[in-house]
């Protein structure tokens, strides 16, 4: 680290601080792979940007944050717009490469993966941090392949794979299986094949105090969405998806804890041939 940079870092104010609640848990999680969000407006994108700069004091730190398309990256109030508000005064922006370089030499790249072929543009790269914004927009192949480039040979760097997303989209099924069905919220599980740890941290719009203060009517707009999007985005309900026969389904409302049935209890079996 350059000698002129160290005293600045020691006295500087934080670039970004997480909000109290799920965003703080996400920011400080030390697990290998962490998912975040569920409901809309929970602070997912800001959480990813904040987590991506945790280790910028290391000169060889390299981070990558992705959206499915370049257009999504550059849309109004998208990731790049938000990053400019956070980092433009302290880091050098290269608009051609969509990259921030910090005074320490650390770097944050923004990328996209529109098709499965696009995963190969990252071949040979190494990132200590890889973040997927709106992760259910990605296929499982894209997620797993790009995650394989989370690596670093430099001591002192923690390798992190992070994602933020809502229910729905092309990746709904695989993401739900990977982060929702196999563990309780905040629980840490260890992948039996890789040995890496995994965690999911749910967040709802009311957890985002800044948004609630600056746009209190946002929650009313979520409440006005058509089903099943209202339930999915307002409550982060992963059991809701387009085209199902029972869009009002709620795990809390329509299920109960298992209990032993008496021999005289009637048994019913139903099947939906169209769904199966």
C-alpha atoms as a PDB file:
ATOM      1  CA  UNK A   1       0.000   0.000   0.000  1.00  0.00           C
ATOM      2  CA  UNK A   2       1.447   3.438  -0.894  1.00  0.00           C
ATOM      3  CA  UNK A   3       2.714   5.321   2.171  1.00  0.00           C
ATOM      4  CA  UNK A   4       0.589   8.339   1.285  1.00  0.00           C
ATOM      5  CA  UNK A   5      -2.598   6.260   1.284  1.00  0.00           C
ATOM      6  CA  UNK A   6      -2.357   4.616   4.723  1.00  0.00           C
ATOM      7  CA  UNK A   7      -2.897   7.747   6.887  1.00  0.00           C
ATOM      8  CA  UNK A   8      -5.854   8.742   4.711  1.00  0.00           C
ATOM      9  CA  UNK A   9      -7.475   5.340   5.236  1.00  0.00           C
ATOM     10  CA  UNK A  10      -6.929   5.484   8.996  1.00  0.00           C
ATOM     11  CA  UNK A  11      -8.787   8.797   9.346  1.00  0.00           C
ATOM     12  CA  UNK A  12     -11.347   8.512   6.540  1.00  0.00           C
ATOM     13  CA  UNK A  13     -15.064   8.104   7.078  1.00  0.00           C
ATOM     14  CA  UNK A  14     -16.667   4.878   5.799  1.00  0.00           C
ATOM     15  CA  UNK A  15     -17.697   4.922   2.138  1.00  0.00           C
ATOM     16  CA  UNK A  16     -20.937   3.217   3.088  1.00  0.00           C
ATOM     17  CA  UNK A  17     -22.538   1.843   6.235  1.00  0.00           C
ATOM     18  CA  UNK A  18     -25.221  -0.866   6.338  1.00  0.00           C
ATOM     19  CA  UNK A  19     -28.614  -0.178   7.837  1.00  0.00           C
ATOM     20  CA  UNK A  20     -29.405  -1.877  11.114  1.00  0.00           C
ATOM     21  CA  UNK A  21     -31.086  -5.241  10.594  1.00  0.00           C
ATOM     22  CA  UNK A  22     -30.711  -7.754   7.756  1.00  0.00           C
ATOM     23  CA  UNK A  23     -28.415  -5.507   5.728  1.00  0.00           C
ATOM     24  CA  UNK A  24     -25.909  -5.402   8.598  1.00  0.00           C
ATOM     25  CA  UNK A  25     -26.045  -9.189   8.955  1.00  0.00           C
ATOM     26  CA  UNK A  26     -25.424  -9.537   5.215  1.00  0.00           C
ATOM     27  CA  UNK A  27     -22.535  -7.080   5.269  1.00  0.00           C
ATOM     28  CA  UNK A  28     -20.684  -8.761   8.129  1.00  0.00           C
ATOM     29  CA  UNK A  29     -21.400 -12.394   7.232  1.00  0.00           C
ATOM     30  CA  UNK A  30     -18.202 -14.409   6.887  1.00  0.00           C
ATOM     31  CA  UNK A  31     -19.827 -17.356   5.097  1.00  0.00           C
ATOM     32  CA  UNK A  32     -18.556 -18.377   1.676  1.00  0.00           C
ATOM     33  CA  UNK A  33     -21.833 -17.911  -0.203  1.00  0.00           C
ATOM     34  CA  UNK A  34     -24.620 -15.626   0.994  1.00  0.00           C
ATOM     35  CA  UNK A  35     -27.977 -14.765  -0.564  1.00  0.00           C
ATOM     36  CA  UNK A  36     -29.956 -11.702   0.460  1.00  0.00           C
ATOM     37  CA  UNK A  37     -33.419 -10.270  -0.101  1.00  0.00           C
ATOM     38  CA  UNK A  38     -36.655 -11.863  -1.196  1.00  0.00           C
ATOM     39  CA  UNK A  39     -39.004  -8.890  -1.024  1.00  0.00           C
ATOM     40  CA  UNK A  40     -38.641  -5.786  -3.183  1.00  0.00           C
ATOM     41  CA  UNK A  41     -37.079  -2.674  -1.664  1.00  0.00           C
ATOM     42  CA  UNK A  42     -35.068  -4.500   0.987  1.00  0.00           C
ATOM     43  CA  UNK A  43     -31.777  -2.800   0.109  1.00  0.00           C
ATOM     44  CA  UNK A  44     -30.269  -5.607  -1.973  1.00  0.00           C
ATOM     45  CA  UNK A  45     -28.308  -3.569  -4.516  1.00  0.00           C
ATOM     46  CA  UNK A  46     -26.929  -1.193  -1.890  1.00  0.00           C
ATOM     47  CA  UNK A  47     -26.008  -4.201   0.229  1.00  0.00           C
ATOM     48  CA  UNK A  48     -24.044  -5.736  -2.641  1.00  0.00           C
ATOM     49  CA  UNK A  49     -22.223  -2.488  -3.387  1.00  0.00           C
ATOM     50  CA  UNK A  50     -21.346  -2.047   0.273  1.00  0.00           C
ATOM     51  CA  UNK A  51     -20.145  -5.622   0.687  1.00  0.00           C
ATOM     52  CA  UNK A  52     -18.028  -5.327  -2.454  1.00  0.00           C
ATOM     53  CA  UNK A  53     -15.772  -2.650  -0.918  1.00  0.00           C
ATOM     54  CA  UNK A  54     -15.140  -4.318   2.454  1.00  0.00           C
ATOM     55  CA  UNK A  55     -11.603  -5.268   1.460  1.00  0.00           C
ATOM     56  CA  UNK A  56     -10.458  -2.333  -0.692  1.00  0.00           C
ATOM     57  CA  UNK A  57      -7.603  -1.579   1.705  1.00  0.00           C
ATOM     58  CA  UNK A  58      -5.800  -4.543   0.091  1.00  0.00           C
ATOM     59  CA  UNK A  59      -4.013  -3.414  -3.102  1.00  0.00           C
ATOM     60  CA  UNK A  60      -4.624  -6.725  -4.898  1.00  0.00           C
ATOM     61  CA  UNK A  61      -8.323  -6.919  -4.079  1.00  0.00           C
ATOM     62  CA  UNK A  62     -10.511  -7.496  -7.131  1.00  0.00           C
ATOM     63  CA  UNK A  63     -14.322  -7.528  -7.026  1.00  0.00           C
ATOM     64  CA  UNK A  64     -16.969  -8.193  -9.663  1.00  0.00           C
ATOM     65  CA  UNK A  65     -20.685  -7.333  -9.552  1.00  0.00           C
ATOM     66  CA  UNK A  66     -22.957  -8.602 -12.309  1.00  0.00           C
ATOM     67  CA  UNK A  67     -26.371  -8.006 -13.810  1.00  0.00           C
ATOM     68  CA  UNK A  68     -27.835 -10.198 -16.514  1.00  0.00           C
ATOM     69  CA  UNK A  69     -27.509  -7.520 -19.231  1.00  0.00           C
ATOM     70  CA  UNK A  70     -25.410  -4.416 -19.820  1.00  0.00           C
ATOM     71  CA  UNK A  71     -28.600  -2.397 -20.226  1.00  0.00           C
ATOM     72  CA  UNK A  72     -29.698  -3.399 -16.704  1.00  0.00           C
ATOM     73  CA  UNK A  73     -26.338  -2.293 -15.323  1.00  0.00           C
ATOM     74  CA  UNK A  74     -26.656   1.138 -16.898  1.00  0.00           C
ATOM     75  CA  UNK A  75     -30.367   1.794 -16.382  1.00  0.00           C
ATOM     76  CA  UNK A  76     -31.565   4.815 -14.398  1.00  0.00           C
ATOM     77  CA  UNK A  77     -30.809   4.377 -10.696  1.00  0.00           C
ATOM     78  CA  UNK A  78     -29.217   1.029 -11.499  1.00  0.00           C
ATOM     79  CA  UNK A  79     -26.017  -0.385 -10.061  1.00  0.00           C
ATOM     80  CA  UNK A  80     -23.657   1.922 -11.915  1.00  0.00           C
ATOM     81  CA  UNK A  81     -25.716   5.020 -11.080  1.00  0.00           C
ATOM     82  CA  UNK A  82     -25.748   4.016  -7.414  1.00  0.00           C
ATOM     83  CA  UNK A  83     -22.026   3.276  -7.424  1.00  0.00           C
ATOM     84  CA  UNK A  84     -21.278   6.763  -8.750  1.00  0.00           C
ATOM     85  CA  UNK A  85     -23.059   8.309  -5.770  1.00  0.00           C
ATOM     86  CA  UNK A  86     -21.009   6.183  -3.391  1.00  0.00           C
ATOM     87  CA  UNK A  87     -17.561   5.968  -4.945  1.00  0.00           C
ATOM     88  CA  UNK A  88     -17.030   8.751  -7.502  1.00  0.00           C
ATOM     89  CA  UNK A  89     -15.304  11.083  -5.028  1.00  0.00           C
ATOM     90  CA  UNK A  90     -12.817   8.495  -3.801  1.00  0.00           C
ATOM     91  CA  UNK A  91     -12.121   6.248  -6.797  1.00  0.00           C
ATOM     92  CA  UNK A  92     -11.296   6.616 -10.495  1.00  0.00           C
ATOM     93  CA  UNK A  93     -14.037   5.499 -12.889  1.00  0.00           C
ATOM     94  CA  UNK A  94     -13.287   3.993 -16.305  1.00  0.00           C
ATOM     95  CA  UNK A  95     -16.512   4.128 -18.306  1.00  0.00           C
ATOM     96  CA  UNK A  96     -15.128   2.045 -21.167  1.00  0.00           C
ATOM     97  CA  UNK A  97     -14.364  -0.919 -18.906  1.00  0.00           C
ATOM     98  CA  UNK A  98     -17.037  -0.158 -16.263  1.00  0.00           C
ATOM     99  CA  UNK A  99     -14.396  -0.310 -13.548  1.00  0.00           C
ATOM    100  CA  UNK A 100     -13.560   1.605 -10.386  1.00  0.00           C
ATOM    101  CA  UNK A 101      -9.943   1.779  -9.240  1.00  0.00           C
ATOM    102  CA  UNK A 102      -9.410   2.856  -5.633  1.00  0.00           C
ATOM    103  CA  UNK A 103      -6.379   4.761  -4.273  1.00  0.00           C
ATOM    104  CA  UNK A 104      -4.994   1.538  -2.795  1.00  0.00           C
ATOM    105  CA  UNK A 105      -4.972  -0.163  -6.188  1.00  0.00           C
ATOM    106  CA  UNK A 106      -8.049  -2.276  -5.388  1.00  0.00           C
ATOM    107  CA  UNK A 107     -10.544  -2.620  -8.221  1.00  0.00           C
ATOM    108  CA  UNK A 108     -14.299  -3.116  -8.612  1.00  0.00           C
ATOM    109  CA  UNK A 109     -15.556  -4.339 -11.999  1.00  0.00           C
ATOM    110  CA  UNK A 110     -19.135  -4.323 -13.273  1.00  0.00           C
ATOM    111  CA  UNK A 111     -20.050  -7.081 -15.709  1.00  0.00           C
ATOM    112  CA  UNK A 112     -22.946  -8.830 -17.381  1.00  0.00           C
ATOM    113  CA  UNK A 113     -23.794 -12.302 -18.673  1.00  0.00           C
ATOM    114  CA  UNK A 114     -26.583 -12.043 -21.219  1.00  0.00           C
ATOM    115  CA  UNK A 115     -26.248 -15.597 -22.577  1.00  0.00           C
ATOM    116  CA  UNK A 116     -24.555 -18.765 -21.375  1.00  0.00           C
ATOM    117  CA  UNK A 117     -21.736 -18.100 -23.851  1.00  0.00           C
ATOM    118  CA  UNK A 118     -20.913 -14.884 -22.004  1.00  0.00           C
ATOM    119  CA  UNK A 119     -19.526 -16.814 -19.027  1.00  0.00           C
ATOM    120  CA  UNK A 120     -16.336 -17.371 -21.014  1.00  0.00           C
ATOM    121  CA  UNK A 121     -15.464 -13.668 -21.002  1.00  0.00           C
ATOM    122  CA  UNK A 122     -14.503 -14.183 -17.345  1.00  0.00           C
ATOM    123  CA  UNK A 123     -12.317 -17.219 -18.025  1.00  0.00           C
ATOM    124  CA  UNK A 124      -8.855 -16.748 -16.547  1.00  0.00           C
ATOM    125  CA  UNK A 125     -10.048 -14.023 -14.176  1.00  0.00           C
ATOM    126  CA  UNK A 126      -9.766 -14.156 -10.417  1.00  0.00           C
ATOM    127  CA  UNK A 127     -11.994 -12.210  -8.022  1.00  0.00           C
ATOM    128  CA  UNK A 128     -12.018 -12.284  -4.226  1.00  0.00           C
ATOM    129  CA  UNK A 129     -15.614 -11.022  -4.357  1.00  0.00           C
ATOM    130  CA  UNK A 130     -18.317 -11.903  -6.879  1.00  0.00           C
ATOM    131  CA  UNK A 131     -21.807 -10.447  -6.491  1.00  0.00           C
ATOM    132  CA  UNK A 132     -24.946 -11.231  -8.513  1.00  0.00           C
ATOM    133  CA  UNK A 133     -27.618  -8.525  -8.505  1.00  0.00           C
ATOM    134  CA  UNK A 134     -31.139  -9.879  -9.195  1.00  0.00           C
ATOM    135  CA  UNK A 135     -29.662 -13.362  -9.178  1.00  0.00           C
ATOM    136  CA  UNK A 136     -32.809 -15.154 -10.345  1.00  0.00           C
ATOM    137  CA  UNK A 137     -32.287 -13.442 -13.707  1.00  0.00           C
ATOM    138  CA  UNK A 138     -29.302 -15.778 -14.189  1.00  0.00           C
ATOM    139  CA  UNK A 139     -29.368 -19.443 -15.147  1.00  0.00           C
ATOM    140  CA  UNK A 140     -27.892 -21.964 -12.742  1.00  0.00           C
ATOM    141  CA  UNK A 141     -25.128 -22.650 -15.275  1.00  0.00           C
ATOM    142  CA  UNK A 142     -24.170 -18.975 -15.365  1.00  0.00           C
ATOM    143  CA  UNK A 143     -24.180 -18.661 -11.579  1.00  0.00           C
ATOM    144  CA  UNK A 144     -22.114 -21.769 -10.915  1.00  0.00           C
ATOM    145  CA  UNK A 145     -19.631 -21.153 -13.722  1.00  0.00           C
ATOM    146  CA  UNK A 146     -18.923 -17.530 -12.837  1.00  0.00           C
ATOM    147  CA  UNK A 147     -18.741 -18.408  -9.132  1.00  0.00           C
ATOM    148  CA  UNK A 148     -15.868 -20.703 -10.067  1.00  0.00           C
ATOM    149  CA  UNK A 149     -13.765 -17.607 -10.749  1.00  0.00           C
ATOM    150  CA  UNK A 150     -13.972 -16.525  -7.098  1.00  0.00           C
ATOM    151  CA  UNK A 151     -10.324 -17.063  -6.191  1.00  0.00           C
ATOM    152  CA  UNK A 152      -7.200 -15.224  -5.114  1.00  0.00           C
ATOM    153  CA  UNK A 153      -3.595 -16.179  -4.421  1.00  0.00           C
ATOM    154  CA  UNK A 154      -2.947 -13.140  -2.229  1.00  0.00           C
ATOM    155  CA  UNK A 155      -2.784 -13.571   1.567  1.00  0.00           C
ATOM    156  CA  UNK A 156      -5.246 -11.613   3.658  1.00  0.00           C
ATOM    157  CA  UNK A 157      -8.148 -11.703   1.216  1.00  0.00           C
ATOM    158  CA  UNK A 158     -11.412 -13.461   2.082  1.00  0.00           C
ATOM    159  CA  UNK A 159     -13.220 -15.039  -0.846  1.00  0.00           C
ATOM    160  CA  UNK A 160     -16.932 -14.165  -0.984  1.00  0.00           C
ATOM    161  CA  UNK A 161     -19.837 -15.005  -3.298  1.00  0.00           C
ATOM    162  CA  UNK A 162     -22.855 -12.788  -2.689  1.00  0.00           C
ATOM    163  CA  UNK A 163     -26.264 -12.401  -4.327  1.00  0.00           C
ATOM    164  CA  UNK A 164     -29.398 -10.330  -3.967  1.00  0.00           C
ATOM    165  CA  UNK A 165     -32.712 -11.145  -5.603  1.00  0.00           C
ATOM    166  CA  UNK A 166     -36.505 -11.345  -5.568  1.00  0.00           C
ATOM    167  CA  UNK A 167     -38.593 -14.454  -6.316  1.00  0.00           C
ATOM    168  CA  UNK A 168     -39.504 -15.107  -9.939  1.00  0.00           C
ATOM    169  CA  UNK A 169     -37.684 -15.094 -13.289  1.00  0.00           C
ATOM    170  CA  UNK A 170     -35.753 -17.847 -15.046  1.00  0.00           C
ATOM    171  CA  UNK A 171     -33.643 -18.744 -12.023  1.00  0.00           C
ATOM    172  CA  UNK A 172     -36.461 -18.983  -9.476  1.00  0.00           C
ATOM    173  CA  UNK A 173     -36.429 -22.786  -9.163  1.00  0.00           C
ATOM    174  CA  UNK A 174     -32.691 -23.357  -8.821  1.00  0.00           C
ATOM    175  CA  UNK A 175     -32.195 -20.387  -6.479  1.00  0.00           C
ATOM    176  CA  UNK A 176     -35.059 -21.518  -4.249  1.00  0.00           C
ATOM    177  CA  UNK A 177     -33.595 -25.018  -4.092  1.00  0.00           C
ATOM    178  CA  UNK A 178     -30.118 -23.691  -3.302  1.00  0.00           C
ATOM    179  CA  UNK A 179     -30.958 -21.003  -0.721  1.00  0.00           C
ATOM    180  CA  UNK A 180     -34.546 -21.360   0.498  1.00  0.00           C
ATOM    181  CA  UNK A 181     -35.691 -24.987   0.647  1.00  0.00           C
ATOM    182  CA  UNK A 182     -32.590 -26.455   2.277  1.00  0.00           C
ATOM    183  CA  UNK A 183     -32.210 -24.087   5.240  1.00  0.00           C
ATOM    184  CA  UNK A 184     -34.013 -21.743   7.580  1.00  0.00           C
ATOM    185  CA  UNK A 185     -33.414 -17.970   7.341  1.00  0.00           C
ATOM    186  CA  UNK A 186     -29.983 -17.010   8.739  1.00  0.00           C
ATOM    187  CA  UNK A 187     -29.062 -20.684   9.186  1.00  0.00           C
ATOM    188  CA  UNK A 188     -25.632 -21.705   7.904  1.00  0.00           C
ATOM    189  CA  UNK A 189     -25.297 -24.980   6.003  1.00  0.00           C
ATOM    190  CA  UNK A 190     -22.231 -26.637   4.548  1.00  0.00           C
ATOM    191  CA  UNK A 191     -22.325 -27.903   0.984  1.00  0.00           C
ATOM    192  CA  UNK A 192     -21.707 -31.673   1.114  1.00  0.00           C
ATOM    193  CA  UNK A 193     -19.663 -31.634  -2.104  1.00  0.00           C
ATOM    194  CA  UNK A 194     -17.591 -28.455  -1.897  1.00  0.00           C
ATOM    195  CA  UNK A 195     -17.489 -28.060   1.879  1.00  0.00           C
ATOM    196  CA  UNK A 196     -18.242 -24.338   1.491  1.00  0.00           C
ATOM    197  CA  UNK A 197     -20.740 -22.623   3.774  1.00  0.00           C
ATOM    198  CA  UNK A 198     -23.989 -21.085   2.567  1.00  0.00           C
ATOM    199  CA  UNK A 199     -26.549 -18.724   4.127  1.00  0.00           C
ATOM    200  CA  UNK A 200     -29.691 -16.806   3.158  1.00  0.00           C
ATOM    201  CA  UNK A 201     -30.706 -13.538   4.831  1.00  0.00           C
ATOM    202  CA  UNK A 202     -34.306 -12.416   4.151  1.00  0.00           C
ATOM    203  CA  UNK A 203     -35.214  -8.734   3.944  1.00  0.00           C
ATOM    204  CA  UNK A 204     -38.472  -6.880   3.410  1.00  0.00           C
ATOM    205  CA  UNK A 205     -39.223  -3.322   2.388  1.00  0.00           C
ATOM    206  CA  UNK A 206     -39.839  -2.222   5.996  1.00  0.00           C
ATOM    207  CA  UNK A 207     -36.242  -3.220   6.810  1.00  0.00           C
ATOM    208  CA  UNK A 208     -35.088  -0.431   4.491  1.00  0.00           C
ATOM    209  CA  UNK A 209     -35.597   2.542   6.797  1.00  0.00           C
ATOM    210  CA  UNK A 210     -34.019   4.991   4.354  1.00  0.00           C
ATOM    211  CA  UNK A 211     -36.465   4.045   1.602  1.00  0.00           C
ATOM    212  CA  UNK A 212     -39.417   4.179   4.002  1.00  0.00           C
ATOM    213  CA  UNK A 213     -38.437   7.695   5.094  1.00  0.00           C
ATOM    214  CA  UNK A 214     -37.804   9.049   1.604  1.00  0.00           C
ATOM    215  CA  UNK A 215     -40.593   7.243  -0.267  1.00  0.00           C
ATOM    216  CA  UNK A 216     -43.226   6.096   2.261  1.00  0.00           C
ATOM    217  CA  UNK A 217     -45.761   5.437  -0.513  1.00  0.00           C
ATOM    218  CA  UNK A 218     -43.567   2.748  -2.098  1.00  0.00           C
ATOM    219  CA  UNK A 219     -45.148   0.059   0.054  1.00  0.00           C
ATOM    220  CA  UNK A 220     -48.593   1.157  -1.180  1.00  0.00           C
ATOM    221  CA  UNK A 221     -47.443   0.652  -4.765  1.00  0.00           C
ATOM    222  CA  UNK A 222     -46.265  -2.852  -3.888  1.00  0.00           C
ATOM    223  CA  UNK A 223     -49.646  -3.565  -2.306  1.00  0.00           C
ATOM    224  CA  UNK A 224     -51.299  -2.520  -5.569  1.00  0.00           C
ATOM    225  CA  UNK A 225     -49.431  -5.069  -7.704  1.00  0.00           C
ATOM    226  CA  UNK A 226     -51.418  -7.922  -9.301  1.00  0.00           C
ATOM    227  CA  UNK A 227     -51.063 -11.373  -7.813  1.00  0.00           C
ATOM    228  CA  UNK A 228     -48.863 -13.317  -7.577  1.00  0.00           C
ATOM    229  CA  UNK A 229     -46.332 -10.480  -7.833  1.00  0.00           C
ATOM    230  CA  UNK A 230     -47.878  -8.647  -4.888  1.00  0.00           C
ATOM    231  CA  UNK A 231     -47.273 -11.557  -2.524  1.00  0.00           C
ATOM    232  CA  UNK A 232     -43.868 -12.377  -3.988  1.00  0.00           C
ATOM    233  CA  UNK A 233     -42.457  -8.845  -3.881  1.00  0.00           C
ATOM    234  CA  UNK A 234     -44.202  -7.504  -0.783  1.00  0.00           C
ATOM    235  CA  UNK A 235     -43.527 -10.497   1.452  1.00  0.00           C
ATOM    236  CA  UNK A 236     -40.657 -12.250  -0.324  1.00  0.00           C
ATOM    237  CA  UNK A 237     -42.778 -15.382  -0.749  1.00  0.00           C
ATOM    238  CA  UNK A 238     -40.879 -18.022  -2.726  1.00  0.00           C
ATOM    239  CA  UNK A 239     -43.871 -20.359  -3.010  1.00  0.00           C
ATOM    240  CA  UNK A 240     -45.626 -17.992  -5.426  1.00  0.00           C
ATOM    241  CA  UNK A 241     -44.928 -18.126  -9.142  1.00  0.00           C
ATOM    242  CA  UNK A 242     -46.732 -17.335 -12.390  1.00  0.00           C
ATOM    243  CA  UNK A 243     -49.095 -19.916 -13.821  1.00  0.00           C
ATOM    244  CA  UNK A 244     -49.839 -21.932 -10.710  1.00  0.00           C
ATOM    245  CA  UNK A 245     -53.416 -22.976 -10.000  1.00  0.00           C
ATOM    246  CA  UNK A 246     -53.440 -21.648  -6.435  1.00  0.00           C
ATOM    247  CA  UNK A 247     -51.813 -18.180  -6.470  1.00  0.00           C
ATOM    248  CA  UNK A 248     -53.044 -17.427  -2.943  1.00  0.00           C
ATOM    249  CA  UNK A 249     -50.786 -20.194  -1.564  1.00  0.00           C
ATOM    250  CA  UNK A 250     -48.974 -19.255   1.617  1.00  0.00           C
ATOM    251  CA  UNK A 251     -46.783 -21.660   3.564  1.00  0.00           C
ATOM    252  CA  UNK A 252     -47.804 -20.081   6.877  1.00  0.00           C
ATOM    253  CA  UNK A 253     -51.541 -20.106   6.115  1.00  0.00           C
ATOM    254  CA  UNK A 254     -51.992 -23.415   4.312  1.00  0.00           C
ATOM    255  CA  UNK A 255     -49.634 -25.764   6.171  1.00  0.00           C
ATOM    256  CA  UNK A 256     -49.133 -26.910   9.742  1.00  0.00           C
ATOM    257  CA  UNK A 257     -46.411 -28.604  11.742  1.00  0.00           C
ATOM    258  CA  UNK A 258     -46.214 -32.385  11.132  1.00  0.00           C
ATOM    259  CA  UNK A 259     -48.016 -34.593  13.631  1.00  0.00           C
ATOM    260  CA  UNK A 260     -48.798 -38.289  13.883  1.00  0.00           C
ATOM    261  CA  UNK A 261     -52.138 -39.238  12.322  1.00  0.00           C
ATOM    262  CA  UNK A 262     -54.564 -41.522  14.088  1.00  0.00           C
ATOM    263  CA  UNK A 263     -55.459 -44.673  12.198  1.00  0.00           C
ATOM    264  CA  UNK A 264     -59.006 -43.435  11.602  1.00  0.00           C
ATOM    265  CA  UNK A 265     -57.941 -40.147   9.962  1.00  0.00           C
ATOM    266  CA  UNK A 266     -59.118 -39.968   6.323  1.00  0.00           C
ATOM    267  CA  UNK A 267     -56.313 -39.863   3.739  1.00  0.00           C
ATOM    268  CA  UNK A 268     -56.626 -37.903   0.500  1.00  0.00           C
ATOM    269  CA  UNK A 269     -54.268 -37.779  -2.465  1.00  0.00           C
ATOM    270  CA  UNK A 270     -54.606 -35.123  -5.163  1.00  0.00           C
ATOM    271  CA  UNK A 271     -52.594 -34.686  -8.331  1.00  0.00           C
ATOM    272  CA  UNK A 272     -52.459 -31.978 -11.000  1.00  0.00           C
ATOM    273  CA  UNK A 273     -51.658 -33.707 -14.284  1.00  0.00           C
ATOM    274  CA  UNK A 274     -50.989 -30.415 -16.039  1.00  0.00           C
ATOM    275  CA  UNK A 275     -48.399 -29.285 -13.477  1.00  0.00           C
ATOM    276  CA  UNK A 276     -46.645 -32.650 -13.147  1.00  0.00           C
END
